[in-house]
Amino acid sequence: MPTLVLGIFAHRSDAALAISELKEKGIAAKQISAVTKQKNTLEIITHDTGIGETESGAGNEGLFGTARALGVGLDMIGDSAVAAGPAARKLAGADIEDDSLAVSLIGMGIPPEDAEDYARHADLEHIIVIVLLKEENSRGSVEEVLARHEALPLNPV
């Protein structure tokens, strides 16, 4: 049965090192996703680790994307998530402040209370790394890798 393992990182270097080590240990890039509200940070991580292109979600590109970025910068509208990897289509573009990201995470199988905490971390500009495992028995080794690279606890935020 597929299992999700998530890690929260405050620094892009920690997230990138964790992803690289996971790949060295045999986790395929197509099993690893990342989400944050920092597009530039995620673009650097995806470039360094090869987990896929950064997606912003529909409506966050072109002229509307520029206007949206201006509105976010002026605190007129909420930030939205950027994502990479296989979960990007589900997570990219989700509004972080209005529970859309939490709802998307719940749709992936994350318990509601945890999904809300992950969304709060994303709002704090943390990077959430999501690993889809085919078997539960490799969960422990993935959690060890994430912890070794300074993964933050889910609580408190």
C-alpha atoms as a PDB file:
ATOM      1  CA  MET A   1       0.000   0.000   0.000  1.00  0.00           C
ATOM      2  CA  PRO A   2       1.420   3.422  -0.931  1.00  0.00           C
ATOM      3  CA  THR A   3       2.571   5.589   1.974  1.00  0.00           C
ATOM      4  CA  LEU A   4       3.325   9.309   2.163  1.00  0.00           C
ATOM      5  CA  VAL A   5       6.230  10.613   4.238  1.00  0.00           C
ATOM      6  CA  LEU A   6       6.575  14.372   4.627  1.00  0.00           C
ATOM      7  CA  GLY A   7       9.456  16.503   5.831  1.00  0.00           C
ATOM      8  CA  ILE A   8       9.470  20.230   6.566  1.00  0.00           C
ATOM      9  CA  PHE A   9      12.587  22.298   5.942  1.00  0.00           C
ATOM     10  CA  ALA A  10      13.396  25.895   6.826  1.00  0.00           C
ATOM     11  CA  HIS A  11      16.299  26.154   4.357  1.00  0.00           C
ATOM     12  CA  ARG A  12      16.465  25.170   0.699  1.00  0.00           C
ATOM     13  CA  SER A  13      19.890  23.600   1.158  1.00  0.00           C
ATOM     14  CA  ASP A  14      18.535  21.191   3.781  1.00  0.00           C
ATOM     15  CA  ALA A  15      15.620  20.222   1.518  1.00  0.00           C
ATOM     16  CA  ALA A  16      17.901  19.771  -1.507  1.00  0.00           C
ATOM     17  CA  LEU A  17      20.404  17.658   0.449  1.00  0.00           C
ATOM     18  CA  ALA A  18      17.604  15.462   1.809  1.00  0.00           C
ATOM     19  CA  ILE A  19      16.146  14.949  -1.675  1.00  0.00           C
ATOM     20  CA  SER A  20      19.580  14.139  -3.104  1.00  0.00           C
ATOM     21  CA  GLU A  21      20.258  11.572  -0.388  1.00  0.00           C
ATOM     22  CA  LEU A  22      16.833   9.990  -0.895  1.00  0.00           C
ATOM     23  CA  LYS A  23      17.641   9.596  -4.587  1.00  0.00           C
ATOM     24  CA  GLU A  24      21.046   8.077  -3.718  1.00  0.00           C
ATOM     25  CA  LYS A  25      19.221   5.555  -1.527  1.00  0.00           C
ATOM     26  CA  GLY A  26      17.043   4.459  -4.443  1.00  0.00           C
ATOM     27  CA  ILE A  27      13.965   6.667  -4.158  1.00  0.00           C
ATOM     28  CA  ALA A  28      13.075   7.718  -7.716  1.00  0.00           C
ATOM     29  CA  ALA A  29      12.677  11.403  -8.542  1.00  0.00           C
ATOM     30  CA  LYS A  30       9.118  10.647  -9.679  1.00  0.00           C
ATOM     31  CA  GLN A  31       8.305   9.669  -6.071  1.00  0.00           C
ATOM     32  CA  ILE A  32       9.431  13.015  -4.607  1.00  0.00           C
ATOM     33  CA  SER A  33       7.486  16.276  -4.597  1.00  0.00           C
ATOM     34  CA  ALA A  34       8.033  19.618  -2.896  1.00  0.00           C
ATOM     35  CA  VAL A  35       5.756  22.558  -2.107  1.00  0.00           C
ATOM     36  CA  THR A  36       6.349  26.047  -0.713  1.00  0.00           C
ATOM     37  CA  LYS A  37       5.291  29.603  -1.421  1.00  0.00           C
ATOM     38  CA  GLN A  38       8.791  30.641  -2.560  1.00  0.00           C
ATOM     39  CA  LYS A  39       8.960  30.112  -6.328  1.00  0.00           C
ATOM     40  CA  ASN A  40      12.649  31.045  -6.688  1.00  0.00           C
ATOM     41  CA  THR A  41      13.630  28.739  -3.849  1.00  0.00           C
ATOM     42  CA  LEU A  42      11.758  25.810  -5.353  1.00  0.00           C
ATOM     43  CA  GLU A  43      13.225  26.477  -8.791  1.00  0.00           C
ATOM     44  CA  ILE A  44      16.725  26.200  -7.317  1.00  0.00           C
ATOM     45  CA  ILE A  45      15.813  22.980  -5.496  1.00  0.00           C
ATOM     46  CA  THR A  46      14.324  21.402  -8.631  1.00  0.00           C
ATOM     47  CA  HIS A  47      17.342  22.436 -10.695  1.00  0.00           C
ATOM     48  CA  ASP A  48      19.734  20.941  -8.137  1.00  0.00           C
ATOM     49  CA  THR A  49      17.795  17.716  -7.530  1.00  0.00           C
ATOM     50  CA  GLY A  50      15.972  16.947 -10.782  1.00  0.00           C
ATOM     51  CA  ILE A  51      12.557  16.300  -9.240  1.00  0.00           C
ATOM     52  CA  GLY A  52      10.721  18.097 -12.044  1.00  0.00           C
ATOM     53  CA  GLU A  53       9.713  21.535 -13.182  1.00  0.00           C
ATOM     54  CA  THR A  54       8.240  24.052 -10.760  1.00  0.00           C
ATOM     55  CA  GLU A  55       4.539  24.646 -11.330  1.00  0.00           C
ATOM     56  CA  SER A  56       2.648  27.696 -10.154  1.00  0.00           C
ATOM     57  CA  GLY A  57      -0.853  26.607 -11.037  1.00  0.00           C
ATOM     58  CA  ALA A  58      -3.296  27.917 -13.600  1.00  0.00           C
ATOM     59  CA  GLY A  59      -3.600  31.662 -13.691  1.00  0.00           C
ATOM     60  CA  ASN A  60      -0.265  32.421 -12.050  1.00  0.00           C
ATOM     61  CA  GLU A  61       1.644  33.084 -15.264  1.00  0.00           C
ATOM     62  CA  GLY A  62       1.651  35.917 -17.796  1.00  0.00           C
ATOM     63  CA  LEU A  63      -0.044  39.249 -17.191  1.00  0.00           C
ATOM     64  CA  PHE A  64      -2.424  37.854 -14.574  1.00  0.00           C
ATOM     65  CA  GLY A  65       0.511  36.272 -12.754  1.00  0.00           C
ATOM     66  CA  THR A  66       2.331  39.593 -12.664  1.00  0.00           C
ATOM     67  CA  ALA A  67      -0.766  41.366 -11.323  1.00  0.00           C
ATOM     68  CA  ARG A  68      -1.266  38.593  -8.769  1.00  0.00           C
ATOM     69  CA  ALA A  69       2.362  38.864  -7.603  1.00  0.00           C
ATOM     70  CA  LEU A  70       1.895  42.605  -7.172  1.00  0.00           C
ATOM     71  CA  GLY A  71      -1.266  42.022  -5.128  1.00  0.00           C
ATOM     72  CA  VAL A  72       0.552  39.482  -2.938  1.00  0.00           C
ATOM     73  CA  GLY A  73       3.420  41.916  -2.442  1.00  0.00           C
ATOM     74  CA  LEU A  74       1.026  44.630  -1.331  1.00  0.00           C
ATOM     75  CA  ASP A  75      -0.791  42.206   1.003  1.00  0.00           C
ATOM     76  CA  MET A  76      -3.990  42.634  -0.986  1.00  0.00           C
ATOM     77  CA  ILE A  77      -4.376  38.924  -1.768  1.00  0.00           C
ATOM     78  CA  GLY A  78      -3.004  35.729  -0.267  1.00  0.00           C
ATOM     79  CA  ASP A  79       0.005  33.783  -1.441  1.00  0.00           C
ATOM     80  CA  SER A  80      -0.363  30.605  -3.446  1.00  0.00           C
ATOM     81  CA  ALA A  81       1.673  27.432  -3.422  1.00  0.00           C
ATOM     82  CA  VAL A  82       4.289  26.464  -5.970  1.00  0.00           C
ATOM     83  CA  ALA A  83       5.101  22.802  -6.306  1.00  0.00           C
ATOM     84  CA  ALA A  84       7.283  20.324  -8.175  1.00  0.00           C
ATOM     85  CA  GLY A  85       7.154  16.592  -8.678  1.00  0.00           C
ATOM     86  CA  PRO A  86       4.171  14.297  -9.167  1.00  0.00           C
ATOM     87  CA  ALA A  87       2.023  16.137  -6.597  1.00  0.00           C
ATOM     88  CA  ALA A  88       2.533  19.487  -8.349  1.00  0.00           C
ATOM     89  CA  ARG A  89      -0.694  19.348 -10.333  1.00  0.00           C
ATOM     90  CA  LYS A  90      -2.684  18.866  -7.138  1.00  0.00           C
ATOM     91  CA  LEU A  91      -0.840  21.461  -5.037  1.00  0.00           C
ATOM     92  CA  ALA A  92       0.373  24.204  -7.387  1.00  0.00           C
ATOM     93  CA  GLY A  93      -1.697  27.359  -7.238  1.00  0.00           C
ATOM     94  CA  ALA A  94      -3.521  26.458  -4.033  1.00  0.00           C
ATOM     95  CA  ASP A  95      -4.084  29.514  -1.853  1.00  0.00           C
ATOM     96  CA  ILE A  96      -2.105  29.072   1.329  1.00  0.00           C
ATOM     97  CA  GLU A  97      -4.096  31.438   3.511  1.00  0.00           C
ATOM     98  CA  ASP A  98      -7.622  30.250   2.667  1.00  0.00           C
ATOM     99  CA  ASP A  99      -7.171  26.526   3.394  1.00  0.00           C
ATOM    100  CA  SER A 100      -6.900  25.497  -0.286  1.00  0.00           C
ATOM    101  CA  LEU A 101      -3.462  23.990   0.322  1.00  0.00           C
ATOM    102  CA  ALA A 102      -4.734  22.140   3.386  1.00  0.00           C
ATOM    103  CA  VAL A 103      -7.682  20.803   1.369  1.00  0.00           C
ATOM    104  CA  SER A 104      -5.329  19.645  -1.398  1.00  0.00           C
ATOM    105  CA  LEU A 105      -3.137  17.859   1.164  1.00  0.00           C
ATOM    106  CA  ILE A 106      -6.215  16.215   2.696  1.00  0.00           C
ATOM    107  CA  GLY A 107      -7.125  15.031  -0.806  1.00  0.00           C
ATOM    108  CA  MET A 108      -3.729  13.322  -0.975  1.00  0.00           C
ATOM    109  CA  GLY A 109      -4.460  11.416   2.237  1.00  0.00           C
ATOM    110  CA  ILE A 110      -2.966  13.704   4.910  1.00  0.00           C
ATOM    111  CA  PRO A 111      -5.133  13.852   8.075  1.00  0.00           C
ATOM    112  CA  PRO A 112      -6.998  17.206   8.309  1.00  0.00           C
ATOM    113  CA  GLU A 113      -5.262  18.463  11.468  1.00  0.00           C
ATOM    114  CA  ASP A 114      -1.837  17.653  10.001  1.00  0.00           C
ATOM    115  CA  ALA A 115      -2.736  19.200   6.634  1.00  0.00           C
ATOM    116  CA  GLU A 116      -3.565  22.494   8.355  1.00  0.00           C
ATOM    117  CA  ASP A 117      -0.215  22.435  10.165  1.00  0.00           C
ATOM    118  CA  TYR A 118       1.656  21.733   6.909  1.00  0.00           C
ATOM    119  CA  ALA A 119      -0.164  24.664   5.271  1.00  0.00           C
ATOM    120  CA  ARG A 120       0.923  26.907   8.165  1.00  0.00           C
ATOM    121  CA  HIS A 121       4.527  25.820   7.592  1.00  0.00           C
ATOM    122  CA  ALA A 122       4.185  26.676   3.887  1.00  0.00           C
ATOM    123  CA  ASP A 123       2.867  30.100   4.877  1.00  0.00           C
ATOM    124  CA  LEU A 124       6.061  30.559   6.934  1.00  0.00           C
ATOM    125  CA  GLU A 125       8.025  29.937   3.698  1.00  0.00           C
ATOM    126  CA  HIS A 126       9.140  26.478   4.760  1.00  0.00           C
ATOM    127  CA  ILE A 127       9.643  23.796   2.128  1.00  0.00           C
ATOM    128  CA  ILE A 128       7.565  20.642   2.421  1.00  0.00           C
ATOM    129  CA  VAL A 129       9.085  17.550   0.823  1.00  0.00           C
ATOM    130  CA  ILE A 130       6.618  14.759   0.063  1.00  0.00           C
ATOM    131  CA  VAL A 131       7.826  11.226  -0.611  1.00  0.00           C
ATOM    132  CA  LEU A 132       5.450   8.605  -2.017  1.00  0.00           C
ATOM    133  CA  LEU A 133       6.604   5.159  -0.989  1.00  0.00           C
ATOM    134  CA  LYS A 134       5.331   2.002  -2.603  1.00  0.00           C
ATOM    135  CA  GLU A 135       5.909   0.026   0.579  1.00  0.00           C
ATOM    136  CA  GLU A 136       5.446   0.970   4.234  1.00  0.00           C
ATOM    137  CA  ASN A 137       8.627  -0.887   5.266  1.00  0.00           C
ATOM    138  CA  SER A 138      10.939   1.795   3.809  1.00  0.00           C
ATOM    139  CA  ARG A 139       9.258   4.573   5.814  1.00  0.00           C
ATOM    140  CA  GLY A 140      11.813   4.441   8.666  1.00  0.00           C
ATOM    141  CA  SER A 141      14.829   4.926   6.406  1.00  0.00           C
ATOM    142  CA  VAL A 142      13.163   7.878   4.631  1.00  0.00           C
ATOM    143  CA  GLU A 143      12.298   9.491   7.979  1.00  0.00           C
ATOM    144  CA  GLU A 144      15.934   9.044   9.083  1.00  0.00           C
ATOM    145  CA  VAL A 145      17.191  10.842   5.962  1.00  0.00           C
ATOM    146  CA  LEU A 146      14.756  13.717   6.476  1.00  0.00           C
ATOM    147  CA  ALA A 147      15.722  14.044  10.156  1.00  0.00           C
ATOM    148  CA  ARG A 148      19.433  13.959   9.326  1.00  0.00           C
ATOM    149  CA  HIS A 149      18.926  17.039   7.146  1.00  0.00           C
ATOM    150  CA  GLU A 150      17.263  19.163   9.829  1.00  0.00           C
ATOM    151  CA  ALA A 151      13.608  18.413   9.127  1.00  0.00           C
ATOM    152  CA  LEU A 152      11.403  20.503  11.400  1.00  0.00           C
ATOM    153  CA  PRO A 153       8.716  18.980  13.611  1.00  0.00           C
ATOM    154  CA  LEU A 154       5.151  19.327  12.391  1.00  0.00           C
ATOM    155  CA  ASN A 155       4.178  20.960  15.684  1.00  0.00           C
ATOM    156  CA  PRO A 156       4.578  23.571  16.995  1.00  0.00           C
ATOM    157  CA  VAL A 157       4.422  26.111  14.219  1.00  0.00           C
END
